[in-house]
C-alpha atoms as a PDB file:
ATOM      1  CA  MET A   1      22.815 -17.909 -17.870  1.00  0.00           C
ATOM      2  CA  HIS A   2      18.869 -17.275 -17.543  1.00  0.00           C
ATOM      3  CA  ALA A   3      17.712 -13.857 -18.216  1.00  0.00           C
ATOM      4  CA  LEU A   4      16.676 -13.148 -14.637  1.00  0.00           C
ATOM      5  CA  GLU A   5      20.105 -14.163 -13.475  1.00  0.00           C
ATOM      6  CA  ARG A   6      21.738 -11.997 -15.968  1.00  0.00           C
ATOM      7  CA  ASP A   7      19.331  -8.824 -15.180  1.00  0.00           C
ATOM      8  CA  THR A   8      19.977  -9.510 -11.270  1.00  0.00           C
ATOM      9  CA  LEU A   9      23.728  -9.250 -11.860  1.00  0.00           C
ATOM     10  CA  LYS A  10      23.016  -5.969 -13.884  1.00  0.00           C
ATOM     11  CA  ASN A  11      21.110  -4.601 -11.245  1.00  0.00           C
ATOM     12  CA  VAL A  12      23.327  -5.468  -8.256  1.00  0.00           C
ATOM     13  CA  ARG A  13      26.125  -3.761 -10.212  1.00  0.00           C
ATOM     14  CA  ARG A  14      24.353  -0.931 -11.209  1.00  0.00           C
ATOM     15  CA  GLU A  15      22.858   0.043  -7.640  1.00  0.00           C
ATOM     16  CA  GLY A  16      26.102  -1.141  -6.018  1.00  0.00           C
ATOM     17  CA  LEU A  17      23.770  -3.814  -3.673  1.00  0.00           C
ATOM     18  CA  LEU A  18      27.372  -5.230  -2.798  1.00  0.00           C
ATOM     19  CA  ARG A  19      30.004  -3.557  -1.082  1.00  0.00           C
ATOM     20  CA  ALA A  20      33.454  -4.370  -0.843  1.00  0.00           C
ATOM     21  CA  ALA A  21      33.286  -5.997   2.596  1.00  0.00           C
ATOM     22  CA  ASP A  22      30.390  -8.095   1.373  1.00  0.00           C
ATOM     23  CA  LYS A  23      32.167 -11.254   0.596  1.00  0.00           C
ATOM     24  CA  SER A  24      29.770 -13.345   2.401  1.00  0.00           C
ATOM     25  CA  VAL A  25      25.682 -12.913   1.763  1.00  0.00           C
ATOM     26  CA  LEU A  26      22.985 -14.481   4.071  1.00  0.00           C
ATOM     27  CA  VAL A  27      19.617 -15.283   2.131  1.00  0.00           C
ATOM     28  CA  GLY A  28      16.676 -15.285   3.892  1.00  0.00           C
ATOM     29  CA  VAL A  29      14.949 -18.529   2.435  1.00  0.00           C
ATOM     30  CA  SER A  30      11.423 -19.323   3.750  1.00  0.00           C
ATOM     31  CA  GLY A  31      10.584 -22.052   1.108  1.00  0.00           C
ATOM     32  CA  GLY A  32       8.351 -19.670  -0.987  1.00  0.00           C
ATOM     33  CA  PRO A  33       8.720 -18.978  -4.337  1.00  0.00           C
ATOM     34  CA  ASP A  34      10.474 -15.434  -4.292  1.00  0.00           C
ATOM     35  CA  SER A  35      13.097 -16.708  -1.784  1.00  0.00           C
ATOM     36  CA  VAL A  36      13.632 -20.239  -3.220  1.00  0.00           C
ATOM     37  CA  ALA A  37      14.473 -18.340  -6.723  1.00  0.00           C
ATOM     38  CA  LEU A  38      16.638 -15.799  -5.025  1.00  0.00           C
ATOM     39  CA  LEU A  39      18.827 -18.382  -3.318  1.00  0.00           C
ATOM     40  CA  HIS A  40      19.112 -20.202  -6.962  1.00  0.00           C
ATOM     41  CA  VAL A  41      19.978 -16.681  -8.852  1.00  0.00           C
ATOM     42  CA  LEU A  42      22.457 -15.771  -6.272  1.00  0.00           C
ATOM     43  CA  ALA A  43      23.914 -19.419  -6.310  1.00  0.00           C
ATOM     44  CA  ALA A  44      24.138 -19.089 -10.014  1.00  0.00           C
ATOM     45  CA  LEU A  45      26.062 -15.547  -9.595  1.00  0.00           C
ATOM     46  CA  ARG A  46      28.491 -16.630  -6.906  1.00  0.00           C
ATOM     47  CA  SER A  47      31.474 -16.380  -9.387  1.00  0.00           C
ATOM     48  CA  PRO A  48      30.827 -12.979 -11.094  1.00  0.00           C
ATOM     49  CA  LEU A  49      29.934 -11.637  -7.877  1.00  0.00           C
ATOM     50  CA  ASP A  50      32.833 -13.162  -5.827  1.00  0.00           C
ATOM     51  CA  ILE A  51      30.493 -14.104  -2.950  1.00  0.00           C
ATOM     52  CA  THR A  52      29.581 -17.215  -0.680  1.00  0.00           C
ATOM     53  CA  LEU A  53      26.340 -17.705   0.501  1.00  0.00           C
ATOM     54  CA  ALA A  54      24.173 -19.275   3.508  1.00  0.00           C
ATOM     55  CA  ALA A  55      20.434 -19.558   3.831  1.00  0.00           C
ATOM     56  CA  LEU A  56      18.067 -19.180   6.843  1.00  0.00           C
ATOM     57  CA  TYR A  57      15.057 -20.436   7.452  1.00  0.00           C
ATOM     58  CA  VAL A  58      12.969 -18.671  10.374  1.00  0.00           C
ATOM     59  CA  ASP A  59      10.277 -20.526  12.005  1.00  0.00           C
ATOM     60  CA  HIS A  60       7.483 -18.201  13.223  1.00  0.00           C
ATOM     61  CA  GLY A  61       5.980 -20.899  15.222  1.00  0.00           C
ATOM     62  CA  LEU A  62       2.490 -19.977  13.442  1.00  0.00           C
ATOM     63  CA  ARG A  63       2.283 -22.921  10.944  1.00  0.00           C
ATOM     64  CA  PRO A  64       3.944 -26.336  12.889  1.00  0.00           C
ATOM     65  CA  GLU A  65       2.243 -28.313  10.189  1.00  0.00           C
ATOM     66  CA  GLU A  66       4.002 -26.677   7.539  1.00  0.00           C
ATOM     67  CA  SER A  67       7.194 -25.397   8.826  1.00  0.00           C
ATOM     68  CA  THR A  68       8.925 -28.704   9.194  1.00  0.00           C
ATOM     69  CA  ALA A  69       8.674 -29.740   5.688  1.00  0.00           C
ATOM     70  CA  GLU A  70       9.674 -26.156   4.577  1.00  0.00           C
ATOM     71  CA  LYS A  71      12.756 -26.185   6.803  1.00  0.00           C
ATOM     72  CA  ASP A  72      13.652 -29.743   5.459  1.00  0.00           C
ATOM     73  CA  TYR A  73      13.302 -28.618   2.003  1.00  0.00           C
ATOM     74  CA  VAL A  74      15.541 -25.313   2.429  1.00  0.00           C
ATOM     75  CA  ARG A  75      18.066 -27.485   4.123  1.00  0.00           C
ATOM     76  CA  ALA A  76      18.168 -29.947   1.176  1.00  0.00           C
ATOM     77  CA  LEU A  77      18.109 -26.843  -1.324  1.00  0.00           C
ATOM     78  CA  ALA A  78      21.185 -25.453   0.466  1.00  0.00           C
ATOM     79  CA  GLU A  79      23.172 -28.599   0.440  1.00  0.00           C
ATOM     80  CA  LYS A  80      21.907 -29.038  -3.204  1.00  0.00           C
ATOM     81  CA  LEU A  81      23.425 -25.289  -4.028  1.00  0.00           C
ATOM     82  CA  GLU A  82      26.544 -25.956  -1.541  1.00  0.00           C
ATOM     83  CA  THR A  83      25.434 -22.987   0.652  1.00  0.00           C
ATOM     84  CA  GLY A  84      25.647 -22.820   4.600  1.00  0.00           C
ATOM     85  CA  PHE A  85      22.320 -23.443   6.315  1.00  0.00           C
ATOM     86  CA  ALA A  86      20.677 -22.302   9.697  1.00  0.00           C
ATOM     87  CA  SER A  87      17.089 -22.380  10.951  1.00  0.00           C
ATOM     88  CA  ILE A  88      15.960 -20.231  13.910  1.00  0.00           C
ATOM     89  CA  ARG A  89      12.679 -20.653  15.560  1.00  0.00           C
ATOM     90  CA  VAL A  90      11.096 -17.544  17.005  1.00  0.00           C
ATOM     91  CA  GLU A  91       8.213 -16.911  19.306  1.00  0.00           C
ATOM     92  CA  VAL A  92       5.855 -14.509  17.564  1.00  0.00           C
ATOM     93  CA  ARG A  93       2.474 -14.859  19.584  1.00  0.00           C
ATOM     94  CA  ARG A  94       4.414 -14.212  22.641  1.00  0.00           C
ATOM     95  CA  LEU A  95       6.195 -10.953  21.470  1.00  0.00           C
ATOM     96  CA  ALA A  96       3.012  -9.819  19.892  1.00  0.00           C
ATOM     97  CA  GLY A  97       1.041 -10.303  23.210  1.00  0.00           C
ATOM     98  CA  GLU A  98       3.767  -8.841  25.487  1.00  0.00           C
ATOM     99  CA  LYS A  99       4.358  -5.670  23.290  1.00  0.00           C
ATOM    100  CA  LYS A 100       0.532  -5.382  22.094  1.00  0.00           C
ATOM    101  CA  LEU A 101       1.936  -5.718  18.482  1.00  0.00           C
ATOM    102  CA  SER A 102      -0.054  -7.501  15.338  1.00  0.00           C
ATOM    103  CA  LEU A 103       1.176 -10.648  14.376  1.00  0.00           C
ATOM    104  CA  GLU A 104       2.511  -9.197  11.135  1.00  0.00           C
ATOM    105  CA  HIS A 105       4.375  -6.736  13.132  1.00  0.00           C
ATOM    106  CA  ALA A 106       6.010  -9.242  15.638  1.00  0.00           C
ATOM    107  CA  ALA A 107       6.931 -11.771  12.826  1.00  0.00           C
ATOM    108  CA  ARG A 108       8.700  -8.987  10.852  1.00  0.00           C
ATOM    109  CA  ASP A 109      10.927  -7.663  14.055  1.00  0.00           C
ATOM    110  CA  LEU A 110      11.598 -11.188  15.058  1.00  0.00           C
ATOM    111  CA  ARG A 111      12.789 -12.208  11.438  1.00  0.00           C
ATOM    112  CA  TYR A 112      15.233  -9.371  11.029  1.00  0.00           C
ATOM    113  CA  ALA A 113      16.459 -10.053  14.543  1.00  0.00           C
ATOM    114  CA  ALA A 114      17.010 -13.612  13.446  1.00  0.00           C
ATOM    115  CA  LEU A 115      18.828 -12.560  10.077  1.00  0.00           C
ATOM    116  CA  ARG A 116      20.989  -9.994  11.711  1.00  0.00           C
ATOM    117  CA  GLN A 117      22.026 -12.605  14.585  1.00  0.00           C
ATOM    118  CA  THR A 118      22.653 -15.367  12.092  1.00  0.00           C
ATOM    119  CA  ALA A 119      24.776 -12.984   9.624  1.00  0.00           C
ATOM    120  CA  ALA A 120      26.858 -12.151  12.443  1.00  0.00           C
ATOM    121  CA  GLU A 121      27.437 -15.826  13.068  1.00  0.00           C
ATOM    122  CA  PHE A 122      28.282 -16.398   9.305  1.00  0.00           C
ATOM    123  CA  ASP A 123      30.352 -13.252   9.311  1.00  0.00           C
ATOM    124  CA  ALA A 124      27.934 -12.321   6.490  1.00  0.00           C
ATOM    125  CA  GLY A 125      28.537  -8.367   5.069  1.00  0.00           C
ATOM    126  CA  CYS A 126      24.734  -8.297   4.266  1.00  0.00           C
ATOM    127  CA  ILE A 127      21.300  -9.893   4.192  1.00  0.00           C
ATOM    128  CA  ALA A 128      19.494 -10.898   0.779  1.00  0.00           C
ATOM    129  CA  VAL A 129      15.872 -10.686   0.973  1.00  0.00           C
ATOM    130  CA  ALA A 130      13.193 -11.688  -1.735  1.00  0.00           C
ATOM    131  CA  HIS A 131      10.858  -8.500  -1.891  1.00  0.00           C
ATOM    132  CA  THR A 132       9.786  -7.785  -5.652  1.00  0.00           C
ATOM    133  CA  ALA A 133       7.996  -5.193  -7.399  1.00  0.00           C
ATOM    134  CA  ASP A 134       4.728  -6.505  -6.374  1.00  0.00           C
ATOM    135  CA  ASP A 135       5.754  -6.378  -2.804  1.00  0.00           C
ATOM    136  CA  GLN A 136       6.999  -2.701  -3.256  1.00  0.00           C
ATOM    137  CA  ALA A 137       3.372  -1.737  -4.732  1.00  0.00           C
ATOM    138  CA  GLU A 138       1.576  -3.405  -1.655  1.00  0.00           C
ATOM    139  CA  GLU A 139       3.692  -1.718   1.013  1.00  0.00           C
ATOM    140  CA  VAL A 140       3.405   1.847  -0.488  1.00  0.00           C
ATOM    141  CA  LEU A 141      -0.629   1.166  -0.270  1.00  0.00           C
ATOM    142  CA  LEU A 142      -0.150  -0.123   3.334  1.00  0.00           C
ATOM    143  CA  ARG A 143       2.040   2.744   4.294  1.00  0.00           C
ATOM    144  CA  LEU A 144      -0.634   5.100   2.537  1.00  0.00           C
ATOM    145  CA  LEU A 145      -3.404   3.570   4.319  1.00  0.00           C
ATOM    146  CA  ARG A 146      -1.381   4.071   7.834  1.00  0.00           C
ATOM    147  CA  GLY A 147      -0.819   7.787   7.028  1.00  0.00           C
ATOM    148  CA  SER A 148       3.003   7.620   6.441  1.00  0.00           C
ATOM    149  CA  GLY A 149       4.649  10.529   5.107  1.00  0.00           C
ATOM    150  CA  ARG A 150       7.268  11.125   2.426  1.00  0.00           C
ATOM    151  CA  LYS A 151       9.698   8.752   3.686  1.00  0.00           C
ATOM    152  CA  GLY A 152       7.327   6.038   4.266  1.00  0.00           C
ATOM    153  CA  LEU A 153       5.798   6.191   0.647  1.00  0.00           C
ATOM    154  CA  SER A 154       9.318   5.870  -0.761  1.00  0.00           C
ATOM    155  CA  GLY A 155       8.904   2.386   0.014  1.00  0.00           C
ATOM    156  CA  MET A 156      11.772  -0.209   0.362  1.00  0.00           C
ATOM    157  CA  ARG A 157      15.231   0.526  -1.091  1.00  0.00           C
ATOM    158  CA  SER A 158      17.444  -1.771  -2.871  1.00  0.00           C
ATOM    159  CA  ARG A 159      19.870  -1.509  -0.161  1.00  0.00           C
ATOM    160  CA  SER A 160      18.732  -0.365   3.439  1.00  0.00           C
ATOM    161  CA  ARG A 161      21.639  -0.373   5.578  1.00  0.00           C
ATOM    162  CA  ASP A 162      22.472  -4.254   5.617  1.00  0.00           C
ATOM    163  CA  ILE A 163      19.577  -5.494   3.889  1.00  0.00           C
ATOM    164  CA  ILE A 164      19.661  -5.889   0.123  1.00  0.00           C
ATOM    165  CA  ARG A 165      16.689  -6.576  -2.183  1.00  0.00           C
ATOM    166  CA  PRO A 166      18.086  -7.808  -5.629  1.00  0.00           C
ATOM    167  CA  PHE A 167      14.599  -8.600  -6.989  1.00  0.00           C
ATOM    168  CA  LEU A 168      12.955  -5.475  -5.879  1.00  0.00           C
ATOM    169  CA  ARG A 169      12.941  -4.175  -9.819  1.00  0.00           C
ATOM    170  CA  PHE A 170      11.113  -7.591 -11.202  1.00  0.00           C
ATOM    171  CA  GLY A 171       7.225  -8.287 -10.943  1.00  0.00           C
ATOM    172  CA  LYS A 172       6.426 -11.707  -9.278  1.00  0.00           C
ATOM    173  CA  ALA A 173       4.964 -13.103 -12.534  1.00  0.00           C
ATOM    174  CA  ARG A 174       8.865 -13.040 -13.730  1.00  0.00           C
ATOM    175  CA  ILE A 175       9.987 -14.974 -10.672  1.00  0.00           C
ATOM    176  CA  LEU A 176       7.367 -17.689 -11.364  1.00  0.00           C
ATOM    177  CA  ASP A 177       8.188 -18.010 -14.868  1.00  0.00           C
ATOM    178  CA  TYR A 178      12.031 -18.534 -13.835  1.00  0.00           C
ATOM    179  CA  LEU A 179      10.664 -21.238 -11.291  1.00  0.00           C
ATOM    180  CA  ARG A 180       8.697 -22.866 -14.013  1.00  0.00           C
ATOM    181  CA  GLU A 181      11.284 -23.020 -16.517  1.00  0.00           C
ATOM    182  CA  ARG A 182      13.901 -24.594 -14.159  1.00  0.00           C
ATOM    183  CA  GLN A 183      11.209 -26.757 -12.857  1.00  0.00           C
ATOM    184  CA  ILE A 184      12.015 -25.590  -9.374  1.00  0.00           C
ATOM    185  CA  HIS A 185       9.663 -26.626  -6.492  1.00  0.00           C
ATOM    186  CA  PHE A 186       8.422 -24.131  -3.891  1.00  0.00           C
ATOM    187  CA  PHE A 187       6.027 -24.268  -1.098  1.00  0.00           C
ATOM    188  CA  ASP A 188       2.999 -22.151  -0.623  1.00  0.00           C
ATOM    189  CA  ASP A 189       2.314 -20.523   2.635  1.00  0.00           C
ATOM    190  CA  SER A 190      -1.200 -20.894   3.798  1.00  0.00           C
ATOM    191  CA  THR A 191      -1.203 -17.673   5.656  1.00  0.00           C
ATOM    192  CA  ASN A 192      -0.677 -15.507   2.482  1.00  0.00           C
ATOM    193  CA  VAL A 193      -4.572 -16.312   1.587  1.00  0.00           C
ATOM    194  CA  ASP A 194      -5.764 -15.493   5.424  1.00  0.00           C
ATOM    195  CA  LEU A 195      -7.404 -12.012   4.692  1.00  0.00           C
ATOM    196  CA  ARG A 196      -7.347 -11.335   8.662  1.00  0.00           C
ATOM    197  CA  TYR A 197      -3.947  -9.867   7.713  1.00  0.00           C
ATOM    198  CA  LEU A 198      -4.272  -6.216   6.140  1.00  0.00           C
ATOM    199  CA  ARG A 199      -1.315  -6.928   3.754  1.00  0.00           C
ATOM    200  CA  ASN A 200      -3.407 -10.182   2.427  1.00  0.00           C
ATOM    201  CA  ARG A 201      -6.219  -7.665   2.133  1.00  0.00           C
ATOM    202  CA  VAL A 202      -4.110  -5.387  -0.054  1.00  0.00           C
ATOM    203  CA  ARG A 203      -2.795  -8.179  -2.097  1.00  0.00           C
ATOM    204  CA  HIS A 204      -6.018 -10.043  -3.016  1.00  0.00           C
ATOM    205  CA  GLN A 205      -8.514  -7.286  -2.581  1.00  0.00           C
ATOM    206  CA  LEU A 206      -7.703  -3.700  -2.864  1.00  0.00           C
ATOM    207  CA  LEU A 207      -4.869  -4.069  -5.748  1.00  0.00           C
ATOM    208  CA  PRO A 208      -7.128  -6.108  -8.027  1.00  0.00           C
ATOM    209  CA  TYR A 209      -9.995  -3.876  -7.351  1.00  0.00           C
ATOM    210  CA  LEU A 210      -7.776  -0.992  -8.439  1.00  0.00           C
ATOM    211  CA  GLU A 211      -6.418  -2.490 -11.369  1.00  0.00           C
ATOM    212  CA  THR A 212      -9.842  -3.465 -12.385  1.00  0.00           C
ATOM    213  CA  ASN A 213     -11.776  -0.527 -11.843  1.00  0.00           C
ATOM    214  CA  PHE A 214      -8.974   2.153 -12.251  1.00  0.00           C
ATOM    215  CA  ASP A 215      -5.793   1.578 -13.941  1.00  0.00           C
ATOM    216  CA  ARG A 216      -4.169  -1.656 -14.961  1.00  0.00           C
ATOM    217  CA  GLY A 217      -0.670  -0.320 -14.509  1.00  0.00           C
ATOM    218  CA  ILE A 218      -1.216   0.709 -10.886  1.00  0.00           C
ATOM    219  CA  ARG A 219       1.406  -1.612  -9.584  1.00  0.00           C
ATOM    220  CA  ARG A 220       3.964  -0.006 -11.882  1.00  0.00           C
ATOM    221  CA  ALA A 221       2.511   3.594 -11.075  1.00  0.00           C
ATOM    222  CA  LEU A 222       2.917   2.965  -7.374  1.00  0.00           C
ATOM    223  CA  CYS A 223       6.721   1.671  -7.695  1.00  0.00           C
ATOM    224  CA  LYS A 224       7.417   4.479  -9.938  1.00  0.00           C
ATOM    225  CA  THR A 225       5.965   6.908  -7.234  1.00  0.00           C
ATOM    226  CA  ALA A 226       8.161   5.233  -4.628  1.00  0.00           C
ATOM    227  CA  ASP A 227      11.374   5.585  -6.746  1.00  0.00           C
ATOM    228  CA  SER A 228      10.588   9.214  -7.538  1.00  0.00           C
ATOM    229  CA  LEU A 229       9.828   9.908  -3.612  1.00  0.00           C
ATOM    230  CA  ALA A 230      13.056   8.106  -2.686  1.00  0.00           C
ATOM    231  CA  GLU A 231      15.252  10.404  -4.868  1.00  0.00           C
ATOM    232  CA  ASP A 232      13.652  13.328  -2.904  1.00  0.00           C
ATOM    233  CA  GLU A 233      14.249  11.769   0.250  1.00  0.00           C
ATOM    234  CA  ASN A 234      18.130  11.220  -0.724  1.00  0.00           C
ATOM    235  CA  LEU A 235      18.283  14.864  -1.303  1.00  0.00           C
ATOM    236  CA  LEU A 236      16.517  15.879   1.904  1.00  0.00           C
ATOM    237  CA  GLU A 237      18.458  13.282   4.079  1.00  0.00           C
ATOM    238  CA  ARG A 238      21.735  15.076   2.785  1.00  0.00           C
ATOM    239  CA  MET A 239      20.245  18.653   3.676  1.00  0.00           C
ATOM    240  CA  THR A 240      19.200  17.615   6.788  1.00  0.00           C
ATOM    241  CA  SER A 241      22.782  16.166   7.571  1.00  0.00           C
ATOM    242  CA  GLN A 242      24.471  19.402   6.658  1.00  0.00           C
ATOM    243  CA  ALA A 243      21.833  21.194   8.414  1.00  0.00           C
ATOM    244  CA  LEU A 244      22.294  19.217  11.694  1.00  0.00           C
ATOM    245  CA  GLU A 245      26.282  20.003  11.483  1.00  0.00           C
ATOM    246  CA  VAL A 246      25.427  23.939  11.914  1.00  0.00           C
ATOM    247  CA  VAL A 247      22.442  23.504  14.180  1.00  0.00           C
ATOM    248  CA  VAL A 248      23.519  21.247  16.826  1.00  0.00           C
ATOM    249  CA  ALA A 249      25.393  23.077  19.285  1.00  0.00           C
ATOM    250  CA  ARG A 250      26.677  20.924  22.010  1.00  0.00           C
ATOM    251  CA  VAL A 251      26.284  17.178  22.622  1.00  0.00           C
ATOM    252  CA  PHE A 252      26.837  15.731  26.104  1.00  0.00           C
ATOM    253  CA  ARG A 253      26.599  11.984  26.978  1.00  0.00           C
ATOM    254  CA  ASN A 254      26.399  10.635  30.571  1.00  0.00           C
ATOM    255  CA  ARG A 255      28.485   7.310  30.105  1.00  0.00           C
ATOM    256  CA  GLU A 256      27.121   5.856  33.396  1.00  0.00           C
ATOM    257  CA  THR A 257      23.374   6.036  32.311  1.00  0.00           C
ATOM    258  CA  SER A 258      23.992   6.378  28.442  1.00  0.00           C
ATOM    259  CA  SER A 259      21.609   9.206  28.263  1.00  0.00           C
ATOM    260  CA  TRP A 260      22.030  12.299  26.105  1.00  0.00           C
ATOM    261  CA  ARG A 261      21.756  16.144  26.314  1.00  0.00           C
ATOM    262  CA  ILE A 262      21.755  17.723  23.041  1.00  0.00           C
ATOM    263  CA  VAL A 263      21.614  21.622  22.692  1.00  0.00           C
ATOM    264  CA  LEU A 264      20.307  22.856  19.643  1.00  0.00           C
ATOM    265  CA  ASN A 265      20.939  26.639  18.403  1.00  0.00           C
ATOM    266  CA  ARG A 266      17.071  27.987  18.158  1.00  0.00           C
ATOM    267  CA  ALA A 267      17.718  30.817  15.564  1.00  0.00           C
ATOM    268  CA  GLY A 268      19.513  28.338  13.489  1.00  0.00           C
ATOM    269  CA  LEU A 269      17.079  25.738  13.537  1.00  0.00           C
ATOM    270  CA  LEU A 270      14.189  28.295  12.379  1.00  0.00           C
ATOM    271  CA  ASN A 271      16.662  29.637   9.662  1.00  0.00           C
ATOM    272  CA  HIS A 272      15.866  26.239   7.609  1.00  0.00           C
ATOM    273  CA  PRO A 273      12.266  25.387   6.001  1.00  0.00           C
ATOM    274  CA  VAL A 274       9.855  23.700   8.309  1.00  0.00           C
ATOM    275  CA  ALA A 275      10.463  20.354   6.285  1.00  0.00           C
ATOM    276  CA  ILE A 276      14.167  20.236   7.344  1.00  0.00           C
ATOM    277  CA  GLN A 277      13.252  21.195  10.960  1.00  0.00           C
ATOM    278  CA  ARG A 278      11.033  18.522  11.464  1.00  0.00           C
ATOM    279  CA  ARG A 279      13.856  16.294  10.027  1.00  0.00           C
ATOM    280  CA  ILE A 280      16.208  17.623  12.320  1.00  0.00           C
ATOM    281  CA  ILE A 281      13.828  17.297  15.421  1.00  0.00           C
ATOM    282  CA  GLU A 282      12.930  13.688  14.198  1.00  0.00           C
ATOM    283  CA  LYS A 283      16.805  12.655  14.137  1.00  0.00           C
ATOM    284  CA  LEU A 284      17.338  14.202  17.656  1.00  0.00           C
ATOM    285  CA  LEU A 285      14.533  12.439  19.246  1.00  0.00           C
ATOM    286  CA  TRP A 286      15.864   9.074  18.034  1.00  0.00           C
ATOM    287  CA  GLU A 287      19.332  10.152  19.132  1.00  0.00           C
ATOM    288  CA  VAL A 288      18.520  10.788  22.485  1.00  0.00           C
ATOM    289  CA  GLY A 289      16.362   7.582  22.853  1.00  0.00           C
ATOM    290  CA  GLY A 290      12.905   9.438  22.578  1.00  0.00           C
ATOM    291  CA  THR A 291       9.715   8.595  20.527  1.00  0.00           C
ATOM    292  CA  ALA A 292       9.870  10.469  17.121  1.00  0.00           C
ATOM    293  CA  SER A 293       5.900  10.656  16.627  1.00  0.00           C
ATOM    294  CA  TYR A 294       4.667  13.136  14.178  1.00  0.00           C
ATOM    295  CA  HIS A 295       2.600  14.741  16.766  1.00  0.00           C
ATOM    296  CA  HIS A 296       5.718  15.141  19.267  1.00  0.00           C
ATOM    297  CA  ILE A 297       7.852  16.686  16.165  1.00  0.00           C
ATOM    298  CA  VAL A 298       4.922  19.187  15.437  1.00  0.00           C
ATOM    299  CA  LYS A 299       4.779  20.200  19.110  1.00  0.00           C
ATOM    300  CA  ILE A 300       8.759  20.872  19.239  1.00  0.00           C
ATOM    301  CA  THR A 301       8.638  22.892  15.979  1.00  0.00           C
ATOM    302  CA  GLU A 302       5.778  24.870  16.962  1.00  0.00           C
ATOM    303  CA  ALA A 303       7.408  25.552  20.507  1.00  0.00           C
ATOM    304  CA  ALA A 304      10.851  26.641  18.663  1.00  0.00           C
ATOM    305  CA  ALA A 305       9.020  28.939  16.585  1.00  0.00           C
ATOM    306  CA  GLY A 306       6.977  30.772  19.216  1.00  0.00           C
ATOM    307  CA  ALA A 307       7.284  29.451  22.723  1.00  0.00           C
ATOM    308  CA  ARG A 308       8.478  31.796  25.452  1.00  0.00           C
ATOM    309  CA  SER A 309      12.149  31.275  27.060  1.00  0.00           C
ATOM    310  CA  GLY A 310      11.717  28.909  29.957  1.00  0.00           C
ATOM    311  CA  SER A 311       8.912  27.040  28.583  1.00  0.00           C
ATOM    312  CA  GLU A 312       9.484  23.352  28.339  1.00  0.00           C
ATOM    313  CA  LEU A 313       7.796  20.039  26.677  1.00  0.00           C
ATOM    314  CA  HIS A 314       7.062  16.842  28.593  1.00  0.00           C
ATOM    315  CA  LEU A 315       7.405  14.084  26.131  1.00  0.00           C
ATOM    316  CA  ALA A 316       7.140  10.285  26.979  1.00  0.00           C
ATOM    317  CA  GLY A 317       9.117   8.417  29.125  1.00  0.00           C
ATOM    318  CA  GLY A 318      10.442  11.267  31.062  1.00  0.00           C
ATOM    319  CA  LEU A 319      12.237  13.277  27.973  1.00  0.00           C
ATOM    320  CA  ARG A 320      11.874  16.955  28.352  1.00  0.00           C
ATOM    321  CA  VAL A 321      12.464  19.547  25.809  1.00  0.00           C
ATOM    322  CA  GLY A 322      13.591  22.750  27.412  1.00  0.00           C
ATOM    323  CA  ILE A 323      13.200  26.107  25.477  1.00  0.00           C
ATOM    324  CA  ARG A 324      15.308  28.797  25.897  1.00  0.00           C
ATOM    325  CA  LYS A 325      15.750  32.264  24.288  1.00  0.00           C
ATOM    326  CA  ASP A 326      18.612  31.122  22.125  1.00  0.00           C
ATOM    327  CA  PHE A 327      18.542  27.457  22.351  1.00  0.00           C
ATOM    328  CA  LEU A 328      16.527  24.138  22.796  1.00  0.00           C
ATOM    329  CA  GLU A 329      17.699  21.245  24.852  1.00  0.00           C
ATOM    330  CA  PHE A 330      16.728  17.753  24.562  1.00  0.00           C
ATOM    331  CA  LEU A 331      17.411  15.539  27.444  1.00  0.00           C
ATOM    332  CA  PHE A 332      16.292  12.943  30.246  1.00  0.00           C
ATOM    333  CA  PRO A 333      16.753  14.696  33.608  1.00  0.00           C
ATOM    334  CA  ARG A 334      16.120  11.771  35.830  1.00  0.00           C
ATOM    335  CA  GLY A 335      16.960   9.077  33.181  1.00  0.00           C
ATOM    336  CA  SER A 336      14.660   7.145  31.204  1.00  0.00           C
ATOM    337  CA  GLY A 337      11.155   6.765  32.848  1.00  0.00           C
ATOM    338  CA  PRO A 338       8.115   9.000  33.868  1.00  0.00           C
ATOM    339  CA  TRP A 339       8.547  11.830  36.225  1.00  0.00           C
ATOM    340  CA  ARG A 340       6.565  14.754  37.079  1.00  0.00           C
ATOM    341  CA  GLY A 341       9.373  17.565  37.676  1.00  0.00           C
ATOM    342  CA  ARG A 342      10.261  20.398  35.689  1.00  0.00           C
ATOM    343  CA  LEU A 343      13.458  21.759  34.138  1.00  0.00           C
ATOM    344  CA  TYR A 344      12.495  25.218  34.721  1.00  0.00           C
ATOM    345  CA  PRO A 345      10.467  25.537  37.901  1.00  0.00           C
ATOM    346  CA  ASP A 346       9.630  29.174  37.153  1.00  0.00           C
ATOM    347  CA  ARG A 347       7.639  28.562  34.060  1.00  0.00           C
ATOM    348  CA  ARG A 348       4.688  26.323  33.240  1.00  0.00           C
ATOM    349  CA  SER A 349       5.611  23.534  31.287  1.00  0.00           C
ATOM    350  CA  ARG A 350       3.584  21.977  28.429  1.00  0.00           C
ATOM    351  CA  THR A 351       2.659  18.229  28.057  1.00  0.00           C
ATOM    352  CA  ALA A 352       2.762  16.776  24.837  1.00  0.00           C
ATOM    353  CA  ASP A 353       2.261  13.190  25.819  1.00  0.00           C
END
């Protein structure tokens, strides 16, 4: 067994990446070095892990001159390794235009949607993707540039819901060594050197600059920071879940409209540190179908601390947060969609849009 295969097996077991129900694993394979190596390594580990595999190639419609050859190669590789195979074409440019997203953002959303759709078709318990430690370092820098908080700066997790990342502890150089030693062919995506994309500028310009002018070990340092923050995040997440059980007083759901009304104990919320208050508010905003922006979260925590009874916040999409002496309520009074009415006509509302 190759050292990379052996260490991947150790990581999978030590970090509990596979659960009892994960008898089948879908692998996202682009034809690039990392994902091709991942399929080979997991194929070598099928017996000790007691799993079956399938590979998915996602054609983003951005490189028609390259994608056909990549897809054919991944199909042939899946046949050689005796795994299942599927391919899906997604319309990245169309989604980006409709939703006003960057091509990177639209491609990511469609890729994960395709992976989850195909995982259901193969009855796969989880999805393996080939992110490496180098990708983690890039991701932390990207999130720092975008102003992410502690949760964002904790980076990617080895397992996040149904996504597993068996290579997250390994640098890309080690993956390339494995491919070279095993004489395994792979493709290079031409868009990976296109400096119009922010990730590529971070990869090819910012990180090399930091390594040359500041610290040769910057990638390891960024990964260590992500690991440290991830541990803090796990603790804060547990504290938030425990606080929610005490702070949420009542939950109502309209089955006809699928809308929620959540009543929050005001004094109970304020008994917790602001960091936990903000996390509680964030969770509730997502729960009712609102937008959990930092701006909105801060407005709500400030209102909970000092707004008069009868005040209210008007958030995006018709969401209202009503402030009473003893409680806060989160609801869409007229369903999702903008409207100008008030919950409490006797008080002046505050707008947080």
